[in-house]
PDB file of N, CA and C in Angstrom:
ATOM      1  N   MET A   1     -51.093  11.361 -16.364  1.00  0.00           N
ATOM      2  CA  MET A   1     -50.864  11.137 -14.946  1.00  0.00           C
ATOM      3  C   MET A   1     -50.138  12.344 -14.367  1.00  0.00           C
ATOM      4  N   PRO A   2     -50.475  12.707 -13.178  1.00  0.00           N
ATOM      5  CA  PRO A   2     -49.758  13.812 -12.545  1.00  0.00           C
ATOM      6  C   PRO A   2     -48.303  13.432 -12.288  1.00  0.00           C
ATOM      7  N   GLU A   3     -47.424  14.358 -12.531  1.00  0.00           N
ATOM      8  CA  GLU A   3     -45.977  14.104 -12.416  1.00  0.00           C
ATOM      9  C   GLU A   3     -45.587  13.691 -10.995  1.00  0.00           C
ATOM     10  N   ASN A   4     -46.117  14.381  -9.980  1.00  0.00           N
ATOM     11  CA  ASN A   4     -45.749  14.041  -8.598  1.00  0.00           C
ATOM     12  C   ASN A   4     -46.247  12.652  -8.210  1.00  0.00           C
ATOM     13  N   TRP A   5     -47.400  12.238  -8.729  1.00  0.00           N
ATOM     14  CA  TRP A   5     -47.936  10.898  -8.434  1.00  0.00           C
ATOM     15  C   TRP A   5     -47.036   9.832  -9.065  1.00  0.00           C
ATOM     16  N   LEU A   6     -46.628  10.069 -10.305  1.00  0.00           N
ATOM     17  CA  LEU A   6     -45.755   9.129 -11.007  1.00  0.00           C
ATOM     18  C   LEU A   6     -44.389   9.051 -10.338  1.00  0.00           C
ATOM     19  N   ASN A   7     -43.848  10.194  -9.915  1.00  0.00           N
ATOM     20  CA  ASN A   7     -42.558  10.198  -9.212  1.00  0.00           C
ATOM     21  C   ASN A   7     -42.635   9.434  -7.902  1.00  0.00           C
ATOM     22  N   GLU A   8     -43.763   9.538  -7.222  1.00  0.00           N
ATOM     23  CA  GLU A   8     -43.931   8.794  -5.968  1.00  0.00           C
ATOM     24  C   GLU A   8     -43.896   7.292  -6.232  1.00  0.00           C
ATOM     25  N   ARG A   9     -44.515   6.865  -7.300  1.00  0.00           N
ATOM     26  CA  ARG A   9     -44.491   5.422  -7.657  1.00  0.00           C
ATOM     27  C   ARG A   9     -43.069   4.975  -8.015  1.00  0.00           C
ATOM     28  N   ARG A  10     -42.345   5.856  -8.711  1.00  0.00           N
ATOM     29  CA  ARG A  10     -40.953   5.536  -9.056  1.00  0.00           C
ATOM     30  C   ARG A  10     -40.095   5.409  -7.798  1.00  0.00           C
ATOM     31  N   ASN A  11     -40.285   6.340  -6.869  1.00  0.00           N
ATOM     32  CA  ASN A  11     -39.466   6.357  -5.658  1.00  0.00           C
ATOM     33  C   ASN A  11     -39.763   5.185  -4.739  1.00  0.00           C
ATOM     34  N   LYS A  12     -41.015   4.799  -4.623  1.00  0.00           N
ATOM     35  CA  LYS A  12     -41.390   3.755  -3.669  1.00  0.00           C
ATOM     36  C   LYS A  12     -41.517   2.375  -4.302  1.00  0.00           C
ATOM     37  N   GLY A  13     -41.681   2.312  -5.616  1.00  0.00           N
ATOM     38  CA  GLY A  13     -41.843   1.031  -6.278  1.00  0.00           C
ATOM     39  C   GLY A  13     -43.252   0.480  -6.144  1.00  0.00           C
ATOM     40  N   ASP A  14     -44.235   1.348  -5.877  1.00  0.00           N
ATOM     41  CA  ASP A  14     -45.626   0.905  -5.732  1.00  0.00           C
ATOM     42  C   ASP A  14     -46.203   0.471  -7.082  1.00  0.00           C
ATOM     43  N   VAL A  15     -47.198  -0.398  -7.008  1.00  0.00           N
ATOM     44  CA  VAL A  15     -47.902  -0.839  -8.212  1.00  0.00           C
ATOM     45  C   VAL A  15     -48.881   0.250  -8.624  1.00  0.00           C
ATOM     46  N   PHE A  16     -48.980   0.473  -9.922  1.00  0.00           N
ATOM     47  CA  PHE A  16     -49.999   1.379 -10.461  1.00  0.00           C
ATOM     48  C   PHE A  16     -50.546   0.736 -11.726  1.00  0.00           C
ATOM     49  N   TYR A  17     -51.658   1.233 -12.201  1.00  0.00           N
ATOM     50  CA  TYR A  17     -52.341   0.615 -13.327  1.00  0.00           C
ATOM     51  C   TYR A  17     -52.451   1.602 -14.485  1.00  0.00           C
ATOM     52  N   CYS A  18     -52.210   1.074 -15.657  1.00  0.00           N
ATOM     53  CA  CYS A  18     -52.341   1.898 -16.855  1.00  0.00           C
ATOM     54  C   CYS A  18     -53.841   2.034 -17.180  1.00  0.00           C
ATOM     55  N   PRO A  19     -54.181   2.895 -18.129  1.00  0.00           N
ATOM     56  CA  PRO A  19     -55.607   3.068 -18.471  1.00  0.00           C
ATOM     57  C   PRO A  19     -56.283   1.773 -18.941  1.00  0.00           C
ATOM     58  N   ASN A  20     -55.522   0.807 -19.435  1.00  0.00           N
ATOM     59  CA  ASN A  20     -56.104  -0.470 -19.871  1.00  0.00           C
ATOM     60  C   ASN A  20     -56.289  -1.429 -18.701  1.00  0.00           C
ATOM     61  N   GLY A  21     -55.814  -1.057 -17.513  1.00  0.00           N
ATOM     62  CA  GLY A  21     -55.987  -1.901 -16.341  1.00  0.00           C
ATOM     63  C   GLY A  21     -54.806  -2.821 -16.074  1.00  0.00           C
ATOM     64  N   ASP A  22     -53.715  -2.677 -16.852  1.00  0.00           N
ATOM     65  CA  ASP A  22     -52.541  -3.519 -16.637  1.00  0.00           C
ATOM     66  C   ASP A  22     -51.743  -2.969 -15.463  1.00  0.00           C
ATOM     67  N   GLY A  23     -51.326  -3.847 -14.564  1.00  0.00           N
ATOM     68  CA  GLY A  23     -50.507  -3.439 -13.427  1.00  0.00           C
ATOM     69  C   GLY A  23     -49.076  -3.145 -13.851  1.00  0.00           C
ATOM     70  N   ARG A  24     -48.555  -2.052 -13.376  1.00  0.00           N
ATOM     71  CA  ARG A  24     -47.175  -1.662 -13.670  1.00  0.00           C
ATOM     72  C   ARG A  24     -46.472  -1.394 -12.350  1.00  0.00           C
ATOM     73  N   VAL A  25     -45.176  -1.626 -12.373  1.00  0.00           N
ATOM     74  CA  VAL A  25     -44.390  -1.347 -11.172  1.00  0.00           C
ATOM     75  C   VAL A  25     -42.970  -1.005 -11.605  1.00  0.00           C
ATOM     76  N   TYR A  26     -42.354  -0.072 -10.895  1.00  0.00           N
ATOM     77  CA  TYR A  26     -40.945   0.245 -11.113  1.00  0.00           C
ATOM     78  C   TYR A  26     -40.149  -0.645 -10.173  1.00  0.00           C
ATOM     79  N   HIS A  27     -39.509  -1.652 -10.732  1.00  0.00           N
ATOM     80  CA  HIS A  27     -38.769  -2.603  -9.895  1.00  0.00           C
ATOM     81  C   HIS A  27     -37.529  -1.981  -9.284  1.00  0.00           C
ATOM     82  N   THR A  28     -36.868  -1.142 -10.018  1.00  0.00           N
ATOM     83  CA  THR A  28     -35.680  -0.463  -9.505  1.00  0.00           C
ATOM     84  C   THR A  28     -36.102   0.935  -9.085  1.00  0.00           C
ATOM     85  N   THR A  29     -36.295   1.085  -7.803  1.00  0.00           N
ATOM     86  CA  THR A  29     -36.752   2.373  -7.300  1.00  0.00           C
ATOM     87  C   THR A  29     -35.575   3.310  -7.114  1.00  0.00           C
ATOM     88  N   THR A  30     -35.884   4.562  -6.914  1.00  0.00           N
ATOM     89  CA  THR A  30     -34.848   5.561  -6.663  1.00  0.00           C
ATOM     90  C   THR A  30     -34.104   5.220  -5.376  1.00  0.00           C
ATOM     91  N   GLU A  31     -34.850   4.778  -4.373  1.00  0.00           N
ATOM     92  CA  GLU A  31     -34.227   4.390  -3.102  1.00  0.00           C
ATOM     93  C   GLU A  31     -33.258   3.232  -3.295  1.00  0.00           C
ATOM     94  N   THR A  32     -33.668   2.255  -4.101  1.00  0.00           N
ATOM     95  CA  THR A  32     -32.810   1.102  -4.365  1.00  0.00           C
ATOM     96  C   THR A  32     -31.540   1.529  -5.096  1.00  0.00           C
ATOM     97  N   LYS A  33     -31.703   2.389  -6.092  1.00  0.00           N
ATOM     98  CA  LYS A  33     -30.528   2.875  -6.825  1.00  0.00           C
ATOM     99  C   LYS A  33     -29.567   3.607  -5.894  1.00  0.00           C
ATOM    100  N   LEU A  34     -30.117   4.484  -5.060  1.00  0.00           N
ATOM    101  CA  LEU A  34     -29.269   5.248  -4.142  1.00  0.00           C
ATOM    102  C   LEU A  34     -28.595   4.341  -3.125  1.00  0.00           C
ATOM    103  N   ARG A  35     -29.318   3.342  -2.643  1.00  0.00           N
ATOM    104  CA  ARG A  35     -28.736   2.400  -1.680  1.00  0.00           C
ATOM    105  C   ARG A  35     -27.585   1.619  -2.322  1.00  0.00           C
ATOM    106  N   ARG A  36     -27.779   1.195  -3.579  1.00  0.00           N
ATOM    107  CA  ARG A  36     -26.708   0.470  -4.291  1.00  0.00           C
ATOM    108  C   ARG A  36     -25.485   1.349  -4.497  1.00  0.00           C
ATOM    109  N   GLU A  37     -25.732   2.606  -4.896  1.00  0.00           N
ATOM    110  CA  GLU A  37     -24.619   3.537  -5.090  1.00  0.00           C
ATOM    111  C   GLU A  37     -23.868   3.762  -3.780  1.00  0.00           C
ATOM    112  N   LYS A  38     -24.629   3.934  -2.706  1.00  0.00           N
ATOM    113  CA  LYS A  38     -24.028   4.151  -1.386  1.00  0.00           C
ATOM    114  C   LYS A  38     -23.183   2.944  -0.981  1.00  0.00           C
ATOM    115  N   ASP A  39     -23.728   1.746  -1.162  1.00  0.00           N
ATOM    116  CA  ASP A  39     -22.980   0.532  -0.808  1.00  0.00           C
ATOM    117  C   ASP A  39     -21.706   0.401  -1.632  1.00  0.00           C
ATOM    118  N   GLU A  40     -21.813   0.712  -2.919  1.00  0.00           N
ATOM    119  CA  GLU A  40     -20.638   0.630  -3.787  1.00  0.00           C
ATOM    120  C   GLU A  40     -19.572   1.649  -3.366  1.00  0.00           C
ATOM    121  N   LEU A  41     -20.000   2.864  -3.053  1.00  0.00           N
ATOM    122  CA  LEU A  41     -19.052   3.888  -2.610  1.00  0.00           C
ATOM    123  C   LEU A  41     -18.394   3.501  -1.287  1.00  0.00           C
ATOM    124  N   GLU A  42     -19.164   2.903  -0.389  1.00  0.00           N
ATOM    125  CA  GLU A  42     -18.590   2.448   0.884  1.00  0.00           C
ATOM    126  C   GLU A  42     -17.561   1.346   0.654  1.00  0.00           C
ATOM    127  N   ARG A  43     -17.857   0.423  -0.265  1.00  0.00           N
ATOM    128  CA  ARG A  43     -16.892  -0.646  -0.589  1.00  0.00           C
ATOM    129  C   ARG A  43     -15.613  -0.054  -1.187  1.00  0.00           C
ATOM    130  N   ARG A  44     -15.778   0.911  -2.099  1.00  0.00           N
ATOM    131  CA  ARG A  44     -14.601   1.536  -2.713  1.00  0.00           C
ATOM    132  C   ARG A  44     -13.782   2.303  -1.687  1.00  0.00           C
ATOM    133  N   LEU A  45     -14.457   3.002  -0.784  1.00  0.00           N
ATOM    134  CA  LEU A  45     -13.757   3.739   0.263  1.00  0.00           C
ATOM    135  C   LEU A  45     -12.974   2.804   1.169  1.00  0.00           C
ATOM    136  N   ALA A  46     -13.595   1.693   1.569  1.00  0.00           N
ATOM    137  CA  ALA A  46     -12.914   0.712   2.410  1.00  0.00           C
ATOM    138  C   ALA A  46     -11.698   0.133   1.679  1.00  0.00           C
ATOM    139  N   SER A  47     -11.852  -0.126   0.394  1.00  0.00           N
ATOM    140  CA  SER A  47     -10.747  -0.656  -0.398  1.00  0.00           C
ATOM    141  C   SER A  47      -9.598   0.346  -0.473  1.00  0.00           C
ATOM    142  N   GLU A  48      -9.916   1.602  -0.726  1.00  0.00           N
ATOM    143  CA  GLU A  48      -8.879   2.637  -0.806  1.00  0.00           C
ATOM    144  C   GLU A  48      -8.196   2.835   0.543  1.00  0.00           C
ATOM    145  N   ARG A  49      -8.961   2.760   1.620  1.00  0.00           N
ATOM    146  CA  ARG A  49      -8.354   2.876   2.951  1.00  0.00           C
ATOM    147  C   ARG A  49      -7.393   1.725   3.202  1.00  0.00           C
ATOM    148  N   GLU A  50      -7.769   0.525   2.781  1.00  0.00           N
ATOM    149  CA  GLU A  50      -6.884  -0.633   2.954  1.00  0.00           C
ATOM    150  C   GLU A  50      -5.635  -0.479   2.095  1.00  0.00           C
ATOM    151  N   ASN A  51      -5.788   0.023   0.866  1.00  0.00           N
ATOM    152  CA  ASN A  51      -4.631   0.260   0.000  1.00  0.00           C
ATOM    153  C   ASN A  51      -3.689   1.285   0.625  1.00  0.00           C
ATOM    154  N   THR A  52      -4.257   2.340   1.203  1.00  0.00           N
ATOM    155  CA  THR A  52      -3.449   3.371   1.847  1.00  0.00           C
ATOM    156  C   THR A  52      -2.709   2.796   3.042  1.00  0.00           C
ATOM    157  N   ARG A  53      -3.412   1.989   3.853  1.00  0.00           N
ATOM    158  CA  ARG A  53      -2.783   1.375   5.021  1.00  0.00           C
ATOM    159  C   ARG A  53      -1.633   0.461   4.600  1.00  0.00           C
ATOM    160  N   SER A  54      -1.857  -0.326   3.560  1.00  0.00           N
ATOM    161  CA  SER A  54      -0.810  -1.229   3.074  1.00  0.00           C
ATOM    162  C   SER A  54       0.396  -0.448   2.549  1.00  0.00           C
ATOM    163  N   ALA A  55       0.141   0.627   1.818  1.00  0.00           N
ATOM    164  CA  ALA A  55       1.240   1.429   1.275  1.00  0.00           C
ATOM    165  C   ALA A  55       2.042   2.072   2.399  1.00  0.00           C
ATOM    166  N   ARG A  56       1.354   2.570   3.427  1.00  0.00           N
ATOM    167  CA  ARG A  56       2.069   3.162   4.567  1.00  0.00           C
ATOM    168  C   ARG A  56       2.906   2.111   5.288  1.00  0.00           C
ATOM    169  N   ALA A  57       2.338   0.931   5.479  1.00  0.00           N
ATOM    170  CA  ALA A  57       3.079  -0.135   6.152  1.00  0.00           C
ATOM    171  C   ALA A  57       4.319  -0.518   5.347  1.00  0.00           C
ATOM    172  N   ALA A  58       4.175  -0.606   4.032  1.00  0.00           N
ATOM    173  CA  ALA A  58       5.318  -0.945   3.177  1.00  0.00           C
ATOM    174  C   ALA A  58       6.381   0.145   3.237  1.00  0.00           C
ATOM    175  N   ALA A  59       5.946   1.401   3.244  1.00  0.00           N
ATOM    176  CA  ALA A  59       6.903   2.513   3.313  1.00  0.00           C
ATOM    177  C   ALA A  59       7.648   2.499   4.649  1.00  0.00           C
ATOM    178  N   GLN A  60       6.933   2.228   5.735  1.00  0.00           N
ATOM    179  CA  GLN A  60       7.581   2.161   7.045  1.00  0.00           C
ATOM    180  C   GLN A  60       8.587   1.009   7.102  1.00  0.00           C
ATOM    181  N   LEU A  61       8.224  -0.127   6.513  1.00  0.00           N
ATOM    182  CA  LEU A  61       9.143  -1.267   6.478  1.00  0.00           C
ATOM    183  C   LEU A  61      10.416  -0.902   5.733  1.00  0.00           C
ATOM    184  N   GLU A  62      10.273  -0.245   4.584  1.00  0.00           N
ATOM    185  CA  GLU A  62      11.455   0.135   3.806  1.00  0.00           C
ATOM    186  C   GLU A  62      12.304   1.165   4.546  1.00  0.00           C
ATOM    187  N   GLU A  63      11.660   2.070   5.276  1.00  0.00           N
ATOM    188  CA  GLU A  63      12.426   3.037   6.072  1.00  0.00           C
ATOM    189  C   GLU A  63      13.228   2.331   7.162  1.00  0.00           C
ATOM    190  N   ARG A  64      12.609   1.351   7.813  1.00  0.00           N
ATOM    191  CA  ARG A  64      13.331   0.588   8.850  1.00  0.00           C
ATOM    192  C   ARG A  64      14.491  -0.202   8.244  1.00  0.00           C
ATOM    193  N   ARG A  65      14.266  -0.780   7.077  1.00  0.00           N
ATOM    194  CA  ARG A  65      15.343  -1.518   6.402  1.00  0.00           C
ATOM    195  C   ARG A  65      16.501  -0.589   6.056  1.00  0.00           C
ATOM    196  N   ALA A  66      16.169   0.593   5.555  1.00  0.00           N
ATOM    197  CA  ALA A  66      17.213   1.556   5.177  1.00  0.00           C
ATOM    198  C   ALA A  66      18.008   1.987   6.414  1.00  0.00           C
ATOM    199  N   ARG A  67      17.317   2.234   7.523  1.00  0.00           N
ATOM    200  CA  ARG A  67      18.015   2.627   8.759  1.00  0.00           C
ATOM    201  C   ARG A  67      18.925   1.499   9.249  1.00  0.00           C
ATOM    202  N   ALA A  68      18.434   0.260   9.178  1.00  0.00           N
ATOM    203  CA  ALA A  68      19.241  -0.873   9.622  1.00  0.00           C
ATOM    204  C   ALA A  68      20.483  -1.024   8.747  1.00  0.00           C
ATOM    205  N   TYR A  69      20.303  -0.896   7.425  1.00  0.00           N
ATOM    206  CA  TYR A  69      21.436  -1.007   6.518  1.00  0.00           C
ATOM    207  C   TYR A  69      22.449   0.099   6.778  1.00  0.00           C
ATOM    208  N   LYS A  70      21.954   1.313   6.986  1.00  0.00           N
ATOM    209  CA  LYS A  70      22.842   2.436   7.247  1.00  0.00           C
ATOM    210  C   LYS A  70      23.618   2.217   8.545  1.00  0.00           C
ATOM    211  N   GLY A  71      22.947   1.695   9.575  1.00  0.00           N
ATOM    212  CA  GLY A  71      23.620   1.405  10.845  1.00  0.00           C
ATOM    213  C   GLY A  71      24.693   0.347  10.687  1.00  0.00           C
ATOM    214  N   HIS A  72      24.383  -0.692   9.922  1.00  0.00           N
ATOM    215  CA  HIS A  72      25.373  -1.743   9.690  1.00  0.00           C
ATOM    216  C   HIS A  72      26.576  -1.189   8.927  1.00  0.00           C
ATOM    217  N   ALA A  73      26.315  -0.400   7.892  1.00  0.00           N
ATOM    218  CA  ALA A  73      27.407   0.180   7.110  1.00  0.00           C
ATOM    219  C   ALA A  73      28.271   1.095   7.979  1.00  0.00           C
ATOM    220  N   THR A  74      27.632   1.850   8.873  1.00  0.00           N
ATOM    221  CA  THR A  74      28.379   2.741   9.777  1.00  0.00           C
ATOM    222  C   THR A  74      29.275   1.934  10.707  1.00  0.00           C
ATOM    223  N   ARG A  75      28.745   0.843  11.258  1.00  0.00           N
ATOM    224  CA  ARG A  75      29.556  -0.005  12.150  1.00  0.00           C
ATOM    225  C   ARG A  75      30.762  -0.583  11.428  1.00  0.00           C
ATOM    226  N   VAL A  76      30.540  -1.071  10.207  1.00  0.00           N
ATOM    227  CA  VAL A  76      31.649  -1.656   9.439  1.00  0.00           C
ATOM    228  C   VAL A  76      32.687  -0.576   9.119  1.00  0.00           C
ATOM    229  N   ARG A  77      32.234   0.603   8.736  1.00  0.00           N
ATOM    230  CA  ARG A  77      33.155   1.698   8.410  1.00  0.00           C
ATOM    231  C   ARG A  77      33.985   2.109   9.636  1.00  0.00           C
ATOM    232  N   LYS A  78      33.347   2.187  10.803  1.00  0.00           N
ATOM    233  CA  LYS A  78      34.068   2.569  12.018  1.00  0.00           C
ATOM    234  C   LYS A  78      35.074   1.485  12.425  1.00  0.00           C
ATOM    235  N   ARG A  79      34.680   0.225  12.253  1.00  0.00           N
ATOM    236  CA  ARG A  79      35.608  -0.869  12.576  1.00  0.00           C
ATOM    237  C   ARG A  79      36.825  -0.804  11.654  1.00  0.00           C
ATOM    238  N   ALA A  80      36.572  -0.548  10.365  1.00  0.00           N
ATOM    239  CA  ALA A  80      37.680  -0.470   9.413  1.00  0.00           C
ATOM    240  C   ALA A  80      38.575   0.724   9.747  1.00  0.00           C
ATOM    241  N   ALA A  81      37.993   1.819  10.215  1.00  0.00           N
ATOM    242  CA  ALA A  81      38.801   2.980  10.580  1.00  0.00           C
ATOM    243  C   ALA A  81      39.715   2.670  11.766  1.00  0.00           C
ATOM    244  N   ARG A  82      39.316   1.749  12.623  1.00  0.00           N
ATOM    245  CA  ARG A  82      40.147   1.365  13.775  1.00  0.00           C
ATOM    246  C   ARG A  82      41.146   0.256  13.419  1.00  0.00           C
ATOM    247  N   GLY A  83      41.099  -0.208  12.161  1.00  0.00           N
ATOM    248  CA  GLY A  83      42.050  -1.227  11.735  1.00  0.00           C
ATOM    249  C   GLY A  83      41.544  -2.646  11.913  1.00  0.00           C
ATOM    250  N   LEU A  84      40.264  -2.859  12.192  1.00  0.00           N
ATOM    251  CA  LEU A  84      39.711  -4.202  12.336  1.00  0.00           C
ATOM    252  C   LEU A  84      39.240  -4.713  10.983  1.00  0.00           C
ATOM    253  N   CYS A  85      39.668  -5.881  10.633  1.00  0.00           N
ATOM    254  CA  CYS A  85      39.279  -6.489   9.361  1.00  0.00           C
ATOM    255  C   CYS A  85      37.796  -6.871   9.423  1.00  0.00           C
ATOM    256  N   PRO A  86      36.996  -6.444   8.455  1.00  0.00           N
ATOM    257  CA  PRO A  86      35.577  -6.793   8.471  1.00  0.00           C
ATOM    258  C   PRO A  86      35.310  -8.263   8.153  1.00  0.00           C
ATOM    259  N   CYS A  87      36.306  -8.954   7.630  1.00  0.00           N
ATOM    260  CA  CYS A  87      36.118 -10.359   7.278  1.00  0.00           C
ATOM    261  C   CYS A  87      36.525 -11.304   8.405  1.00  0.00           C
ATOM    262  N   CYS A  88      37.679 -11.057   9.014  1.00  0.00           N
ATOM    263  CA  CYS A  88      38.185 -12.005  10.012  1.00  0.00           C
ATOM    264  C   CYS A  88      38.346 -11.397  11.407  1.00  0.00           C
ATOM    265  N   ASN A  89      37.963 -10.137  11.591  1.00  0.00           N
ATOM    266  CA  ASN A  89      37.986  -9.437  12.877  1.00  0.00           C
ATOM    267  C   ASN A  89      39.372  -9.318  13.520  1.00  0.00           C
ATOM    268  N   ALA A  90      40.408  -9.467  12.735  1.00  0.00           N
ATOM    269  CA  ALA A  90      41.769  -9.280  13.261  1.00  0.00           C
ATOM    270  C   ALA A  90      42.159  -7.807  13.100  1.00  0.00           C
ATOM    271  N   THR A  91      43.071  -7.337  13.950  1.00  0.00           N
ATOM    272  CA  THR A  91      43.522  -5.946  13.897  1.00  0.00           C
ATOM    273  C   THR A  91      44.822  -5.860  13.102  1.00  0.00           C
ATOM    274  N   PHE A  92      44.909  -4.876  12.206  1.00  0.00           N
ATOM    275  CA  PHE A  92      46.081  -4.702  11.357  1.00  0.00           C
ATOM    276  C   PHE A  92      46.415  -3.220  11.268  1.00  0.00           C
ATOM    277  N   GLU A  93      47.738  -2.952  11.222  1.00  0.00           N
ATOM    278  CA  GLU A  93      48.185  -1.566  11.041  1.00  0.00           C
ATOM    279  C   GLU A  93      47.832  -1.107   9.623  1.00  0.00           C
ATOM    280  N   ASP A  94      48.111  -1.936   8.651  1.00  0.00           N
ATOM    281  CA  ASP A  94      47.831  -1.602   7.262  1.00  0.00           C
ATOM    282  C   ASP A  94      46.676  -2.483   6.784  1.00  0.00           C
ATOM    283  N   LEU A  95      45.482  -2.074   7.106  1.00  0.00           N
ATOM    284  CA  LEU A  95      44.304  -2.869   6.794  1.00  0.00           C
ATOM    285  C   LEU A  95      44.110  -3.039   5.284  1.00  0.00           C
ATOM    286  N   ALA A  96      44.389  -2.009   4.502  1.00  0.00           N
ATOM    287  CA  ALA A  96      44.211  -2.094   3.055  1.00  0.00           C
ATOM    288  C   ALA A  96      45.075  -3.193   2.455  1.00  0.00           C
ATOM    289  N   ALA A  97      46.310  -3.297   2.901  1.00  0.00           N
ATOM    290  CA  ALA A  97      47.207  -4.339   2.378  1.00  0.00           C
ATOM    291  C   ALA A  97      46.702  -5.715   2.799  1.00  0.00           C
ATOM    292  N   HIS A  98      46.235  -5.860   4.048  1.00  0.00           N
ATOM    293  CA  HIS A  98      45.727  -7.150   4.524  1.00  0.00           C
ATOM    294  C   HIS A  98      44.519  -7.598   3.702  1.00  0.00           C
ATOM    295  N   VAL A  99      43.565  -6.683   3.473  1.00  0.00           N
ATOM    296  CA  VAL A  99      42.355  -7.052   2.723  1.00  0.00           C
ATOM    297  C   VAL A  99      42.728  -7.419   1.293  1.00  0.00           C
ATOM    298  N   ALA A 100      43.637  -6.670   0.677  1.00  0.00           N
ATOM    299  CA  ALA A 100      44.040  -6.973  -0.696  1.00  0.00           C
ATOM    300  C   ALA A 100      44.707  -8.338  -0.788  1.00  0.00           C
ATOM    301  N   ASP A 101      45.516  -8.720   0.230  1.00  0.00           N
ATOM    302  CA  ASP A 101      46.220 -10.000   0.203  1.00  0.00           C
ATOM    303  C   ASP A 101      45.334 -11.164   0.648  1.00  0.00           C
ATOM    304  N   ALA A 102      44.684 -11.034   1.805  1.00  0.00           N
ATOM    305  CA  ALA A 102      43.964 -12.154   2.403  1.00  0.00           C
ATOM    306  C   ALA A 102      42.526 -12.299   1.901  1.00  0.00           C
ATOM    307  N   HIS A 103      41.903 -11.217   1.497  1.00  0.00           N
ATOM    308  CA  HIS A 103      40.490 -11.254   1.077  1.00  0.00           C
ATOM    309  C   HIS A 103      40.333 -10.507  -0.245  1.00  0.00           C
ATOM    310  N   PRO A 104      40.844 -11.037  -1.341  1.00  0.00           N
ATOM    311  CA  PRO A 104      40.880 -10.297  -2.597  1.00  0.00           C
ATOM    312  C   PRO A 104      39.511  -9.956  -3.168  1.00  0.00           C
ATOM    313  N   GLY A 105      38.487 -10.745  -2.956  1.00  0.00           N
ATOM    314  CA  GLY A 105      37.168 -10.476  -3.528  1.00  0.00           C
ATOM    315  C   GLY A 105      36.367  -9.462  -2.730  1.00  0.00           C
ATOM    316  N   TYR A 106      36.775  -9.154  -1.521  1.00  0.00           N
ATOM    317  CA  TYR A 106      36.011  -8.272  -0.648  1.00  0.00           C
ATOM    318  C   TYR A 106      35.928  -6.838  -1.181  1.00  0.00           C
ATOM    319  N   ALA A 107      37.004  -6.344  -1.737  1.00  0.00           N
ATOM    320  CA  ALA A 107      37.041  -4.974  -2.231  1.00  0.00           C
ATOM    321  C   ALA A 107      36.190  -4.792  -3.478  1.00  0.00           C
ATOM    322  N   ASP A 108      35.921  -5.872  -4.205  1.00  0.00           N
ATOM    323  CA  ASP A 108      35.126  -5.784  -5.421  1.00  0.00           C
ATOM    324  C   ASP A 108      33.641  -5.718  -5.143  1.00  0.00           C
ATOM    325  N   ALA A 109      33.206  -6.074  -3.953  1.00  0.00           N
ATOM    326  CA  ALA A 109      31.774  -6.069  -3.627  1.00  0.00           C
ATOM    327  C   ALA A 109      31.259  -4.639  -3.633  1.00  0.00           C
ATOM    328  N   GLU A 110      30.045  -4.457  -4.176  1.00  0.00           N
ATOM    329  CA  GLU A 110      29.445  -3.120  -4.227  1.00  0.00           C
ATOM    330  C   GLU A 110      28.884  -2.753  -2.871  1.00  0.00           C
ATOM    331  N   VAL A 111      29.168  -1.532  -2.440  1.00  0.00           N
ATOM    332  CA  VAL A 111      28.624  -1.023  -1.196  1.00  0.00           C
ATOM    333  C   VAL A 111      27.974   0.312  -1.503  1.00  0.00           C
ATOM    334  N   ALA A 112      26.662   0.396  -1.247  1.00  0.00           N
ATOM    335  CA  ALA A 112      25.925   1.648  -1.508  1.00  0.00           C
ATOM    336  C   ALA A 112      25.971   2.517  -0.268  1.00  0.00           C
ATOM    337  N   GLU A 113      26.148   3.806  -0.461  1.00  0.00           N
ATOM    338  CA  GLU A 113      26.185   4.741   0.670  1.00  0.00           C
ATOM    339  C   GLU A 113      24.810   5.209   0.996  1.00  0.00           C
TER     340      GLU A 113
END
């Protein structure tokens, strides 16, 4: 059989007959294979885009959380610098002594900078 004729049957999936008269057909054509590959690549691309979008959203959320925590820590630090107790909001000249006496567990809490 001529090579170009056989390739055409492979590409289109047309029926052809062997010398004995038996009908043959390529069920999986080149077009079908390429279409399947294309569809699979499109699905993978969409999945990766969704993964990227989710990762960016998670990163933005964590950045906002970090900024909020930093702002809260700054407010508490400034209040303490002015002598305001972070636990009971009372003003004291010697804030360290007040916290040690009235709120003994407060100083043991971990605070990340």
